[in-house]
mmCIF file of all heavy atoms, coordinates in Angstrom:
data_MODEL
# 
_entry.id   MODEL 
# 
loop_
_atom_site.group_PDB 
_atom_site.id 
_atom_site.type_symbol 
_atom_site.label_atom_id 
_atom_site.label_alt_id 
_atom_site.label_comp_id 
_atom_site.label_asym_id 
_atom_site.label_entity_id 
_atom_site.label_seq_id 
_atom_site.pdbx_PDB_ins_code 
_atom_site.Cartn_x 
_atom_site.Cartn_y 
_atom_site.Cartn_z 
_atom_site.occupancy 
_atom_site.B_iso_or_equiv 
_atom_site.pdbx_formal_charge 
_atom_site.auth_seq_id 
_atom_site.auth_comp_id 
_atom_site.auth_asym_id 
_atom_site.auth_atom_id 
_atom_site.pdbx_PDB_model_num 
ATOM 1   N N   . GLU A 1 1  ? 30.922 -33.417 -57.008 1.00 0.00 ? 1  GLU A N   1 
ATOM 2   C CA  . GLU A 1 1  ? 31.859 -32.295 -57.117 1.00 0.00 ? 1  GLU A CA  1 
ATOM 3   C C   . GLU A 1 1  ? 32.681 -32.333 -58.404 1.00 0.00 ? 1  GLU A C   1 
ATOM 4   O O   . GLU A 1 1  ? 33.738 -31.731 -58.498 1.00 0.00 ? 1  GLU A O   1 
ATOM 5   C CB  . GLU A 1 1  ? 32.785 -32.250 -55.895 1.00 0.00 ? 1  GLU A CB  1 
ATOM 6   C CG  . GLU A 1 1  ? 33.755 -33.403 -55.775 1.00 0.00 ? 1  GLU A CG  1 
ATOM 7   C CD  . GLU A 1 1  ? 33.194 -34.670 -55.145 1.00 0.00 ? 1  GLU A CD  1 
ATOM 8   O OE1 . GLU A 1 1  ? 32.006 -34.713 -54.812 1.00 0.00 ? 1  GLU A OE1 1 
ATOM 9   O OE2 . GLU A 1 1  ? 33.961 -35.624 -54.986 1.00 0.00 ? 1  GLU A OE2 1 
ATOM 10  N N   . SER A 1 2  ? 32.191 -33.020 -59.406 1.00 0.00 ? 2  SER A N   1 
ATOM 11  C CA  . SER A 1 2  ? 32.930 -33.181 -60.666 1.00 0.00 ? 2  SER A CA  1 
ATOM 12  C C   . SER A 1 2  ? 32.868 -31.929 -61.525 1.00 0.00 ? 2  SER A C   1 
ATOM 13  O O   . SER A 1 2  ? 32.038 -31.040 -61.341 1.00 0.00 ? 2  SER A O   1 
ATOM 14  C CB  . SER A 1 2  ? 32.365 -34.355 -61.456 1.00 0.00 ? 2  SER A CB  1 
ATOM 15  O OG  . SER A 1 2  ? 31.116 -34.004 -62.026 1.00 0.00 ? 2  SER A OG  1 
ATOM 16  N N   . TRP A 1 3  ? 33.737 -31.895 -62.516 1.00 0.00 ? 3  TRP A N   1 
ATOM 17  C CA  . TRP A 1 3  ? 33.758 -30.789 -63.473 1.00 0.00 ? 3  TRP A CA  1 
ATOM 18  C C   . TRP A 1 3  ? 32.432 -30.682 -64.208 1.00 0.00 ? 3  TRP A C   1 
ATOM 19  O O   . TRP A 1 3  ? 31.984 -29.576 -64.535 1.00 0.00 ? 3  TRP A O   1 
ATOM 20  C CB  . TRP A 1 3  ? 34.916 -30.973 -64.459 1.00 0.00 ? 3  TRP A CB  1 
ATOM 21  C CG  . TRP A 1 3  ? 34.821 -32.228 -65.276 1.00 0.00 ? 3  TRP A CG  1 
ATOM 22  C CD1 . TRP A 1 3  ? 35.274 -33.471 -64.936 1.00 0.00 ? 3  TRP A CD1 1 
ATOM 23  C CD2 . TRP A 1 3  ? 34.200 -32.369 -66.546 1.00 0.00 ? 3  TRP A CD2 1 
ATOM 24  N NE1 . TRP A 1 3  ? 34.985 -34.377 -65.930 1.00 0.00 ? 3  TRP A NE1 1 
ATOM 25  C CE2 . TRP A 1 3  ? 34.326 -33.718 -66.938 1.00 0.00 ? 3  TRP A CE2 1 
ATOM 26  C CE3 . TRP A 1 3  ? 33.555 -31.487 -67.405 1.00 0.00 ? 3  TRP A CE3 1 
ATOM 27  C CZ2 . TRP A 1 3  ? 33.829 -34.209 -68.132 1.00 0.00 ? 3  TRP A CZ2 1 
ATOM 28  C CZ3 . TRP A 1 3  ? 33.064 -31.987 -68.603 1.00 0.00 ? 3  TRP A CZ3 1 
ATOM 29  C CH2 . TRP A 1 3  ? 33.203 -33.324 -68.955 1.00 0.00 ? 3  TRP A CH2 1 
ATOM 30  N N   . ALA A 1 4  ? 31.780 -31.820 -64.448 1.00 0.00 ? 4  ALA A N   1 
ATOM 31  C CA  . ALA A 1 4  ? 30.505 -31.809 -65.168 1.00 0.00 ? 4  ALA A CA  1 
ATOM 32  C C   . ALA A 1 4  ? 29.421 -31.122 -64.344 1.00 0.00 ? 4  ALA A C   1 
ATOM 33  O O   . ALA A 1 4  ? 28.633 -30.331 -64.871 1.00 0.00 ? 4  ALA A O   1 
ATOM 34  C CB  . ALA A 1 4  ? 30.086 -33.232 -65.507 1.00 0.00 ? 4  ALA A CB  1 
ATOM 35  N N   . ASN A 1 5  ? 29.375 -31.407 -63.066 1.00 0.00 ? 5  ASN A N   1 
ATOM 36  C CA  . ASN A 1 5  ? 28.362 -30.793 -62.206 1.00 0.00 ? 5  ASN A CA  1 
ATOM 37  C C   . ASN A 1 5  ? 28.682 -29.333 -61.902 1.00 0.00 ? 5  ASN A C   1 
ATOM 38  O O   . ASN A 1 5  ? 27.772 -28.526 -61.706 1.00 0.00 ? 5  ASN A O   1 
ATOM 39  C CB  . ASN A 1 5  ? 28.190 -31.603 -60.933 1.00 0.00 ? 5  ASN A CB  1 
ATOM 40  C CG  . ASN A 1 5  ? 27.474 -32.907 -61.206 1.00 0.00 ? 5  ASN A CG  1 
ATOM 41  O OD1 . ASN A 1 5  ? 26.528 -32.954 -61.984 1.00 0.00 ? 5  ASN A OD1 1 
ATOM 42  N ND2 . ASN A 1 5  ? 27.918 -33.979 -60.592 1.00 0.00 ? 5  ASN A ND2 1 
ATOM 43  N N   . ILE A 1 6  ? 29.945 -28.978 -61.863 1.00 0.00 ? 6  ILE A N   1 
ATOM 44  C CA  . ILE A 1 6  ? 30.312 -27.569 -61.700 1.00 0.00 ? 6  ILE A CA  1 
ATOM 45  C C   . ILE A 1 6  ? 29.862 -26.782 -62.926 1.00 0.00 ? 6  ILE A C   1 
ATOM 46  O O   . ILE A 1 6  ? 29.305 -25.687 -62.810 1.00 0.00 ? 6  ILE A O   1 
ATOM 47  C CB  . ILE A 1 6  ? 31.828 -27.423 -61.452 1.00 0.00 ? 6  ILE A CB  1 
ATOM 48  C CG1 . ILE A 1 6  ? 32.181 -28.000 -60.078 1.00 0.00 ? 6  ILE A CG1 1 
ATOM 49  C CG2 . ILE A 1 6  ? 32.260 -25.963 -61.562 1.00 0.00 ? 6  ILE A CG2 1 
ATOM 50  C CD1 . ILE A 1 6  ? 33.665 -28.138 -59.826 1.00 0.00 ? 6  ILE A CD1 1 
ATOM 51  N N   . GLY A 1 7  ? 30.074 -27.354 -64.106 1.00 0.00 ? 7  GLY A N   1 
ATOM 52  C CA  . GLY A 1 7  ? 29.596 -26.706 -65.328 1.00 0.00 ? 7  GLY A CA  1 
ATOM 53  C C   . GLY A 1 7  ? 28.097 -26.542 -65.326 1.00 0.00 ? 7  GLY A C   1 
ATOM 54  O O   . GLY A 1 7  ? 27.568 -25.493 -65.709 1.00 0.00 ? 7  GLY A O   1 
ATOM 55  N N   . LYS A 1 8  ? 27.392 -27.555 -64.874 1.00 0.00 ? 8  LYS A N   1 
ATOM 56  C CA  . LYS A 1 8  ? 25.933 -27.505 -64.812 1.00 0.00 ? 8  LYS A CA  1 
ATOM 57  C C   . LYS A 1 8  ? 25.454 -26.377 -63.907 1.00 0.00 ? 8  LYS A C   1 
ATOM 58  O O   . LYS A 1 8  ? 24.480 -25.699 -64.203 1.00 0.00 ? 8  LYS A O   1 
ATOM 59  C CB  . LYS A 1 8  ? 25.395 -28.850 -64.315 1.00 0.00 ? 8  LYS A CB  1 
ATOM 60  C CG  . LYS A 1 8  ? 23.899 -28.926 -64.236 1.00 0.00 ? 8  LYS A CG  1 
ATOM 61  C CD  . LYS A 1 8  ? 23.463 -30.302 -63.760 1.00 0.00 ? 8  LYS A CD  1 
ATOM 62  C CE  . LYS A 1 8  ? 21.961 -30.416 -63.699 1.00 0.00 ? 8  LYS A CE  1 
ATOM 63  N NZ  . LYS A 1 8  ? 21.539 -31.751 -63.278 1.00 0.00 ? 8  LYS A NZ  1 
ATOM 64  N N   . SER A 1 9  ? 26.152 -26.165 -62.798 1.00 0.00 ? 9  SER A N   1 
ATOM 65  C CA  . SER A 1 9  ? 25.715 -25.137 -61.853 1.00 0.00 ? 9  SER A CA  1 
ATOM 66  C C   . SER A 1 9  ? 26.116 -23.731 -62.281 1.00 0.00 ? 9  SER A C   1 
ATOM 67  O O   . SER A 1 9  ? 25.546 -22.759 -61.807 1.00 0.00 ? 9  SER A O   1 
ATOM 68  C CB  . SER A 1 9  ? 26.267 -25.443 -60.457 1.00 0.00 ? 9  SER A CB  1 
ATOM 69  O OG  . SER A 1 9  ? 27.672 -25.329 -60.447 1.00 0.00 ? 9  SER A OG  1 
ATOM 70  N N   . THR A 1 10 ? 27.085 -23.614 -63.187 1.00 0.00 ? 10 THR A N   1 
ATOM 71  C CA  . THR A 1 10 ? 27.523 -22.278 -63.598 1.00 0.00 ? 10 THR A CA  1 
ATOM 72  C C   . THR A 1 10 ? 27.031 -21.861 -64.983 1.00 0.00 ? 10 THR A C   1 
ATOM 73  O O   . THR A 1 10 ? 26.896 -20.670 -65.240 1.00 0.00 ? 10 THR A O   1 
ATOM 74  C CB  . THR A 1 10 ? 29.067 -22.176 -63.570 1.00 0.00 ? 10 THR A CB  1 
ATOM 75  O OG1 . THR A 1 10 ? 29.618 -23.170 -64.420 1.00 0.00 ? 10 THR A OG1 1 
ATOM 76  C CG2 . THR A 1 10 ? 29.606 -22.349 -62.167 1.00 0.00 ? 10 THR A CG2 1 
ATOM 77  N N   . LEU A 1 11 ? 26.772 -22.798 -65.845 1.00 0.00 ? 11 LEU A N   1 
ATOM 78  C CA  . LEU A 1 11 ? 26.313 -22.488 -67.208 1.00 0.00 ? 11 LEU A CA  1 
ATOM 79  C C   . LEU A 1 11 ? 24.814 -22.762 -67.308 1.00 0.00 ? 11 LEU A C   1 
ATOM 80  O O   . LEU A 1 11 ? 24.372 -23.753 -67.873 1.00 0.00 ? 11 LEU A O   1 
ATOM 81  C CB  . LEU A 1 11 ? 27.092 -23.325 -68.226 1.00 0.00 ? 11 LEU A CB  1 
ATOM 82  C CG  . LEU A 1 11 ? 28.602 -23.129 -68.226 1.00 0.00 ? 11 LEU A CG  1 
ATOM 83  C CD1 . LEU A 1 11 ? 29.281 -24.179 -69.111 1.00 0.00 ? 11 LEU A CD1 1 
ATOM 84  C CD2 . LEU A 1 11 ? 28.954 -21.732 -68.694 1.00 0.00 ? 11 LEU A CD2 1 
ATOM 85  N N   . LYS A 1 12 ? 24.035 -21.876 -66.765 1.00 0.00 ? 12 LYS A N   1 
ATOM 86  C CA  . LYS A 1 12 ? 22.590 -22.082 -66.633 1.00 0.00 ? 12 LYS A CA  1 
ATOM 87  C C   . LYS A 1 12 ? 21.833 -22.089 -67.955 1.00 0.00 ? 12 LYS A C   1 
ATOM 88  O O   . LYS A 1 12 ? 20.738 -22.616 -68.024 1.00 0.00 ? 12 LYS A O   1 
ATOM 89  C CB  . LYS A 1 12 ? 21.981 -21.009 -65.724 1.00 0.00 ? 12 LYS A CB  1 
ATOM 90  C CG  . LYS A 1 12 ? 22.567 -20.974 -64.338 1.00 0.00 ? 12 LYS A CG  1 
ATOM 91  C CD  . LYS A 1 12 ? 22.114 -22.159 -63.543 1.00 0.00 ? 12 LYS A CD  1 
ATOM 92  C CE  . LYS A 1 12 ? 22.581 -21.995 -62.098 1.00 0.00 ? 12 LYS A CE  1 
ATOM 93  N NZ  . LYS A 1 12 ? 22.242 -23.118 -61.291 1.00 0.00 ? 12 LYS A NZ  1 
ATOM 94  N N   . LYS A 1 13 ? 22.417 -21.513 -69.006 1.00 0.00 ? 13 LYS A N   1 
ATOM 95  C CA  . LYS A 1 13 ? 21.666 -21.446 -70.268 1.00 0.00 ? 13 LYS A CA  1 
ATOM 96  C C   . LYS A 1 13 ? 21.764 -22.725 -71.094 1.00 0.00 ? 13 LYS A C   1 
ATOM 97  O O   . LYS A 1 13 ? 21.206 -22.801 -72.180 1.00 0.00 ? 13 LYS A O   1 
ATOM 98  C CB  . LYS A 1 13 ? 22.111 -20.238 -71.091 1.00 0.00 ? 13 LYS A CB  1 
ATOM 99  C CG  . LYS A 1 13 ? 23.531 -20.280 -71.590 1.00 0.00 ? 13 LYS A CG  1 
ATOM 100 C CD  . LYS A 1 13 ? 23.846 -19.026 -72.395 1.00 0.00 ? 13 LYS A CD  1 
ATOM 101 C CE  . LYS A 1 13 ? 25.253 -19.096 -72.937 1.00 0.00 ? 13 LYS A CE  1 
ATOM 102 N NZ  . LYS A 1 13 ? 25.559 -17.947 -73.778 1.00 0.00 ? 13 LYS A NZ  1 
ATOM 103 N N   . TYR A 1 14 ? 22.459 -23.725 -70.570 1.00 0.00 ? 14 TYR A N   1 
ATOM 104 C CA  . TYR A 1 14 ? 22.605 -25.009 -71.255 1.00 0.00 ? 14 TYR A CA  1 
ATOM 105 C C   . TYR A 1 14 ? 21.893 -26.107 -70.484 1.00 0.00 ? 14 TYR A C   1 
ATOM 106 O O   . TYR A 1 14 ? 21.826 -26.084 -69.263 1.00 0.00 ? 14 TYR A O   1 
ATOM 107 C CB  . TYR A 1 14 ? 24.083 -25.392 -71.397 1.00 0.00 ? 14 TYR A CB  1 
ATOM 108 C CG  . TYR A 1 14 ? 24.877 -24.436 -72.234 1.00 0.00 ? 14 TYR A CG  1 
ATOM 109 C CD1 . TYR A 1 14 ? 25.600 -23.404 -71.649 1.00 0.00 ? 14 TYR A CD1 1 
ATOM 110 C CD2 . TYR A 1 14 ? 24.902 -24.566 -73.618 1.00 0.00 ? 14 TYR A CD2 1 
ATOM 111 C CE1 . TYR A 1 14 ? 26.328 -22.513 -72.419 1.00 0.00 ? 14 TYR A CE1 1 
ATOM 112 C CE2 . TYR A 1 14 ? 25.629 -23.681 -74.397 1.00 0.00 ? 14 TYR A CE2 1 
ATOM 113 C CZ  . TYR A 1 14 ? 26.339 -22.660 -73.790 1.00 0.00 ? 14 TYR A CZ  1 
ATOM 114 O OH  . TYR A 1 14 ? 27.056 -21.781 -74.553 1.00 0.00 ? 14 TYR A OH  1 
ATOM 115 N N   . LYS A 1 15 ? 21.402 -27.091 -71.201 1.00 0.00 ? 15 LYS A N   1 
ATOM 116 C CA  . LYS A 1 15 ? 20.816 -28.286 -70.589 1.00 0.00 ? 15 LYS A CA  1 
ATOM 117 C C   . LYS A 1 15 ? 21.915 -29.338 -70.528 1.00 0.00 ? 15 LYS A C   1 
ATOM 118 O O   . LYS A 1 15 ? 22.457 -29.746 -71.558 1.00 0.00 ? 15 LYS A O   1 
ATOM 119 C CB  . LYS A 1 15 ? 19.632 -28.770 -71.435 1.00 0.00 ? 15 LYS A CB  1 
ATOM 120 C CG  . LYS A 1 15 ? 19.050 -30.079 -71.022 1.00 0.00 ? 15 LYS A CG  1 
ATOM 121 C CD  . LYS A 1 15 ? 18.190 -29.941 -69.816 1.00 0.00 ? 15 LYS A CD  1 
ATOM 122 C CE  . LYS A 1 15 ? 17.512 -31.285 -69.564 1.00 0.00 ? 15 LYS A CE  1 
ATOM 123 N NZ  . LYS A 1 15 ? 16.935 -31.390 -68.293 1.00 0.00 ? 15 LYS A NZ  1 
ATOM 124 N N   . PHE A 1 16 ? 22.278 -29.763 -69.327 1.00 0.00 ? 16 PHE A N   1 
ATOM 125 C CA  . PHE A 1 16 ? 23.353 -30.739 -69.150 1.00 0.00 ? 16 PHE A CA  1 
ATOM 126 C C   . PHE A 1 16 ? 22.791 -32.150 -69.027 1.00 0.00 ? 16 PHE A C   1 
ATOM 127 O O   . PHE A 1 16 ? 21.756 -32.367 -68.389 1.00 0.00 ? 16 PHE A O   1 
ATOM 128 C CB  . PHE A 1 16 ? 24.164 -30.418 -67.886 1.00 0.00 ? 16 PHE A CB  1 
ATOM 129 C CG  . PHE A 1 16 ? 25.270 -29.449 -68.114 1.00 0.00 ? 16 PHE A CG  1 
ATOM 130 C CD1 . PHE A 1 16 ? 25.007 -28.100 -68.262 1.00 0.00 ? 16 PHE A CD1 1 
ATOM 131 C CD2 . PHE A 1 16 ? 26.590 -29.876 -68.201 1.00 0.00 ? 16 PHE A CD2 1 
ATOM 132 C CE1 . PHE A 1 16 ? 26.016 -27.194 -68.478 1.00 0.00 ? 16 PHE A CE1 1 
ATOM 133 C CE2 . PHE A 1 16 ? 27.613 -28.975 -68.422 1.00 0.00 ? 16 PHE A CE2 1 
ATOM 134 C CZ  . PHE A 1 16 ? 27.326 -27.630 -68.560 1.00 0.00 ? 16 PHE A CZ  1 
ATOM 135 N N   . HIS A 1 17 ? 23.504 -33.101 -69.609 1.00 0.00 ? 17 HIS A N   1 
ATOM 136 C CA  . HIS A 1 17 ? 23.176 -34.520 -69.509 1.00 0.00 ? 17 HIS A CA  1 
ATOM 137 C C   . HIS A 1 17 ? 24.471 -35.228 -69.112 1.00 0.00 ? 17 HIS A C   1 
ATOM 138 O O   . HIS A 1 17 ? 25.383 -35.364 -69.927 1.00 0.00 ? 17 HIS A O   1 
ATOM 139 C CB  . HIS A 1 17 ? 22.676 -35.062 -70.853 1.00 0.00 ? 17 HIS A CB  1 
ATOM 140 C CG  . HIS A 1 17 ? 21.551 -34.275 -71.435 1.00 0.00 ? 17 HIS A CG  1 
ATOM 141 N ND1 . HIS A 1 17 ? 20.240 -34.520 -71.111 1.00 0.00 ? 17 HIS A ND1 1 
ATOM 142 C CD2 . HIS A 1 17 ? 21.542 -33.240 -72.307 1.00 0.00 ? 17 HIS A CD2 1 
ATOM 143 C CE1 . HIS A 1 17 ? 19.468 -33.673 -71.776 1.00 0.00 ? 17 HIS A CE1 1 
ATOM 144 N NE2 . HIS A 1 17 ? 20.250 -32.883 -72.508 1.00 0.00 ? 17 HIS A NE2 1 
ATOM 145 N N   . ASN A 1 18 ? 24.558 -35.655 -67.879 1.00 0.00 ? 18 ASN A N   1 
ATOM 146 C CA  . ASN A 1 18 ? 25.764 -36.320 -67.391 1.00 0.00 ? 18 ASN A CA  1 
ATOM 147 C C   . ASN A 1 18 ? 25.558 -37.832 -67.468 1.00 0.00 ? 18 ASN A C   1 
ATOM 148 O O   . ASN A 1 18 ? 24.754 -38.401 -66.743 1.00 0.00 ? 18 ASN A O   1 
ATOM 149 C CB  . ASN A 1 18 ? 26.069 -35.895 -65.956 1.00 0.00 ? 18 ASN A CB  1 
ATOM 150 C CG  . ASN A 1 18 ? 27.402 -36.414 -65.469 1.00 0.00 ? 18 ASN A CG  1 
ATOM 151 O OD1 . ASN A 1 18 ? 28.031 -37.246 -66.108 1.00 0.00 ? 18 ASN A OD1 1 
ATOM 152 N ND2 . ASN A 1 18 ? 27.836 -35.919 -64.333 1.00 0.00 ? 18 ASN A ND2 1 
ATOM 153 N N   . VAL A 1 19 ? 26.290 -38.479 -68.363 1.00 0.00 ? 19 VAL A N   1 
ATOM 154 C CA  . VAL A 1 19 ? 26.182 -39.930 -68.512 1.00 0.00 ? 19 VAL A CA  1 
ATOM 155 C C   . VAL A 1 19 ? 27.415 -40.635 -67.930 1.00 0.00 ? 19 VAL A C   1 
ATOM 156 O O   . VAL A 1 19 ? 27.709 -41.767 -68.300 1.00 0.00 ? 19 VAL A O   1 
ATOM 157 C CB  . VAL A 1 19 ? 25.939 -40.342 -69.989 1.00 0.00 ? 19 VAL A CB  1 
ATOM 158 C CG1 . VAL A 1 19 ? 24.600 -39.822 -70.479 1.00 0.00 ? 19 VAL A CG1 1 
ATOM 159 C CG2 . VAL A 1 19 ? 27.055 -39.863 -70.906 1.00 0.00 ? 19 VAL A CG2 1 
ATOM 160 N N   . GLY A 1 20 ? 28.108 -39.953 -67.022 1.00 0.00 ? 20 GLY A N   1 
ATOM 161 C CA  . GLY A 1 20 ? 29.267 -40.553 -66.369 1.00 0.00 ? 20 GLY A CA  1 
ATOM 162 C C   . GLY A 1 20 ? 28.878 -41.786 -65.573 1.00 0.00 ? 20 GLY A C   1 
ATOM 163 O O   . GLY A 1 20 ? 27.795 -41.854 -64.992 1.00 0.00 ? 20 GLY A O   1 
ATOM 164 N N   . MET A 1 21 ? 29.763 -42.777 -65.553 1.00 0.00 ? 21 MET A N   1 
ATOM 165 C CA  . MET A 1 21 ? 29.491 -44.018 -64.835 1.00 0.00 ? 21 MET A CA  1 
ATOM 166 C C   . MET A 1 21 ? 30.792 -44.545 -64.233 1.00 0.00 ? 21 MET A C   1 
ATOM 167 O O   . MET A 1 21 ? 31.817 -44.613 -64.908 1.00 0.00 ? 21 MET A O   1 
ATOM 168 C CB  . MET A 1 21 ? 28.886 -45.061 -65.780 1.00 0.00 ? 21 MET A CB  1 
ATOM 169 C CG  . MET A 1 21 ? 28.496 -46.349 -65.085 1.00 0.00 ? 21 MET A CG  1 
ATOM 170 S SD  . MET A 1 21 ? 27.784 -47.549 -66.244 1.00 0.00 ? 21 MET A SD  1 
ATOM 171 C CE  . MET A 1 21 ? 26.223 -46.768 -66.586 1.00 0.00 ? 21 MET A CE  1 
ATOM 172 N N   . SER A 1 22 ? 30.709 -44.915 -62.999 1.00 0.00 ? 22 SER A N   1 
ATOM 173 C CA  . SER A 1 22 ? 31.882 -45.402 -62.285 1.00 0.00 ? 22 SER A CA  1 
ATOM 174 C C   . SER A 1 22 ? 32.310 -46.786 -62.771 1.00 0.00 ? 22 SER A C   1 
ATOM 175 O O   . SER A 1 22 ? 31.477 -47.649 -63.045 1.00 0.00 ? 22 SER A O   1 
ATOM 176 C CB  . SER A 1 22 ? 31.552 -45.479 -60.786 1.00 0.00 ? 22 SER A CB  1 
ATOM 177 O OG  . SER A 1 22 ? 32.662 -45.918 -60.066 1.00 0.00 ? 22 SER A OG  1 
ATOM 178 N N   . GLY A 1 23 ? 33.618 -46.961 -62.899 1.00 0.00 ? 23 GLY A N   1 
ATOM 179 C CA  . GLY A 1 23 ? 34.185 -48.274 -63.182 1.00 0.00 ? 23 GLY A CA  1 
ATOM 180 C C   . GLY A 1 23 ? 34.079 -48.750 -64.616 1.00 0.00 ? 23 GLY A C   1 
ATOM 181 O O   . GLY A 1 23 ? 34.154 -49.946 -64.868 1.00 0.00 ? 23 GLY A O   1 
ATOM 182 N N   . VAL A 1 24 ? 33.884 -47.846 -65.546 1.00 0.00 ? 24 VAL A N   1 
ATOM 183 C CA  . VAL A 1 24 ? 33.768 -48.267 -66.936 1.00 0.00 ? 24 VAL A CA  1 
ATOM 184 C C   . VAL A 1 24 ? 34.957 -47.762 -67.751 1.00 0.00 ? 24 VAL A C   1 
ATOM 185 O O   . VAL A 1 24 ? 35.638 -46.826 -67.377 1.00 0.00 ? 24 VAL A O   1 
ATOM 186 C CB  . VAL A 1 24 ? 32.446 -47.777 -67.576 1.00 0.00 ? 24 VAL A CB  1 
ATOM 187 C CG1 . VAL A 1 24 ? 31.258 -48.378 -66.865 1.00 0.00 ? 24 VAL A CG1 1 
ATOM 188 C CG2 . VAL A 1 24 ? 32.356 -46.266 -67.586 1.00 0.00 ? 24 VAL A CG2 1 
ATOM 189 N N   . GLY A 1 25 ? 35.166 -48.382 -68.885 1.00 0.00 ? 25 GLY A N   1 
ATOM 190 C CA  . GLY A 1 25 ? 36.255 -48.002 -69.774 1.00 0.00 ? 25 GLY A CA  1 
ATOM 191 C C   . GLY A 1 25 ? 35.771 -47.128 -70.912 1.00 0.00 ? 25 GLY A C   1 
ATOM 192 O O   . GLY A 1 25 ? 34.593 -46.759 -70.989 1.00 0.00 ? 25 GLY A O   1 
ATOM 193 N N   . ASN A 1 26 ? 36.691 -46.830 -71.803 1.00 0.00 ? 26 ASN A N   1 
ATOM 194 C CA  . ASN A 1 26 ? 36.403 -45.911 -72.901 1.00 0.00 ? 26 ASN A CA  1 
ATOM 195 C C   . ASN A 1 26 ? 35.305 -46.397 -73.836 1.00 0.00 ? 26 ASN A C   1 
ATOM 196 O O   . ASN A 1 26 ? 34.547 -45.591 -74.367 1.00 0.00 ? 26 ASN A O   1 
ATOM 197 C CB  . ASN A 1 26 ? 37.672 -45.632 -73.704 1.00 0.00 ? 26 ASN A CB  1 
ATOM 198 C CG  . ASN A 1 26 ? 38.632 -44.776 -72.927 1.00 0.00 ? 26 ASN A CG  1 
ATOM 199 O OD1 . ASN A 1 26 ? 38.236 -44.005 -72.063 1.00 0.00 ? 26 ASN A OD1 1 
ATOM 200 N ND2 . ASN A 1 26 ? 39.920 -44.907 -73.215 1.00 0.00 ? 26 ASN A ND2 1 
ATOM 201 N N   . TYR A 1 27 ? 35.206 -47.708 -74.049 1.00 0.00 ? 27 TYR A N   1 
ATOM 202 C CA  . TYR A 1 27 ? 34.166 -48.224 -74.938 1.00 0.00 ? 27 TYR A CA  1 
ATOM 203 C C   . TYR A 1 27 ? 32.775 -47.903 -74.375 1.00 0.00 ? 27 TYR A C   1 
ATOM 204 O O   . TYR A 1 27 ? 31.905 -47.401 -75.089 1.00 0.00 ? 27 TYR A O   1 
ATOM 205 C CB  . TYR A 1 27 ? 34.316 -49.734 -75.151 1.00 0.00 ? 27 TYR A CB  1 
ATOM 206 C CG  . TYR A 1 27 ? 33.223 -50.301 -76.023 1.00 0.00 ? 27 TYR A CG  1 
ATOM 207 C CD1 . TYR A 1 27 ? 33.259 -50.139 -77.404 1.00 0.00 ? 27 TYR A CD1 1 
ATOM 208 C CD2 . TYR A 1 27 ? 32.136 -50.960 -75.465 1.00 0.00 ? 27 TYR A CD2 1 
ATOM 209 C CE1 . TYR A 1 27 ? 32.244 -50.627 -78.206 1.00 0.00 ? 27 TYR A CE1 1 
ATOM 210 C CE2 . TYR A 1 27 ? 31.121 -51.452 -76.256 1.00 0.00 ? 27 TYR A CE2 1 
ATOM 211 C CZ  . TYR A 1 27 ? 31.175 -51.290 -77.627 1.00 0.00 ? 27 TYR A CZ  1 
ATOM 212 O OH  . TYR A 1 27 ? 30.166 -51.762 -78.422 1.00 0.00 ? 27 TYR A OH  1 
# 
């Protein structure tokens, strides 16, 4: 239910690549 997946479901003309990962820092 993240913002990334909401964007993926609404912006169909773009190819989304979600590289989000739980428990990681900015590096």
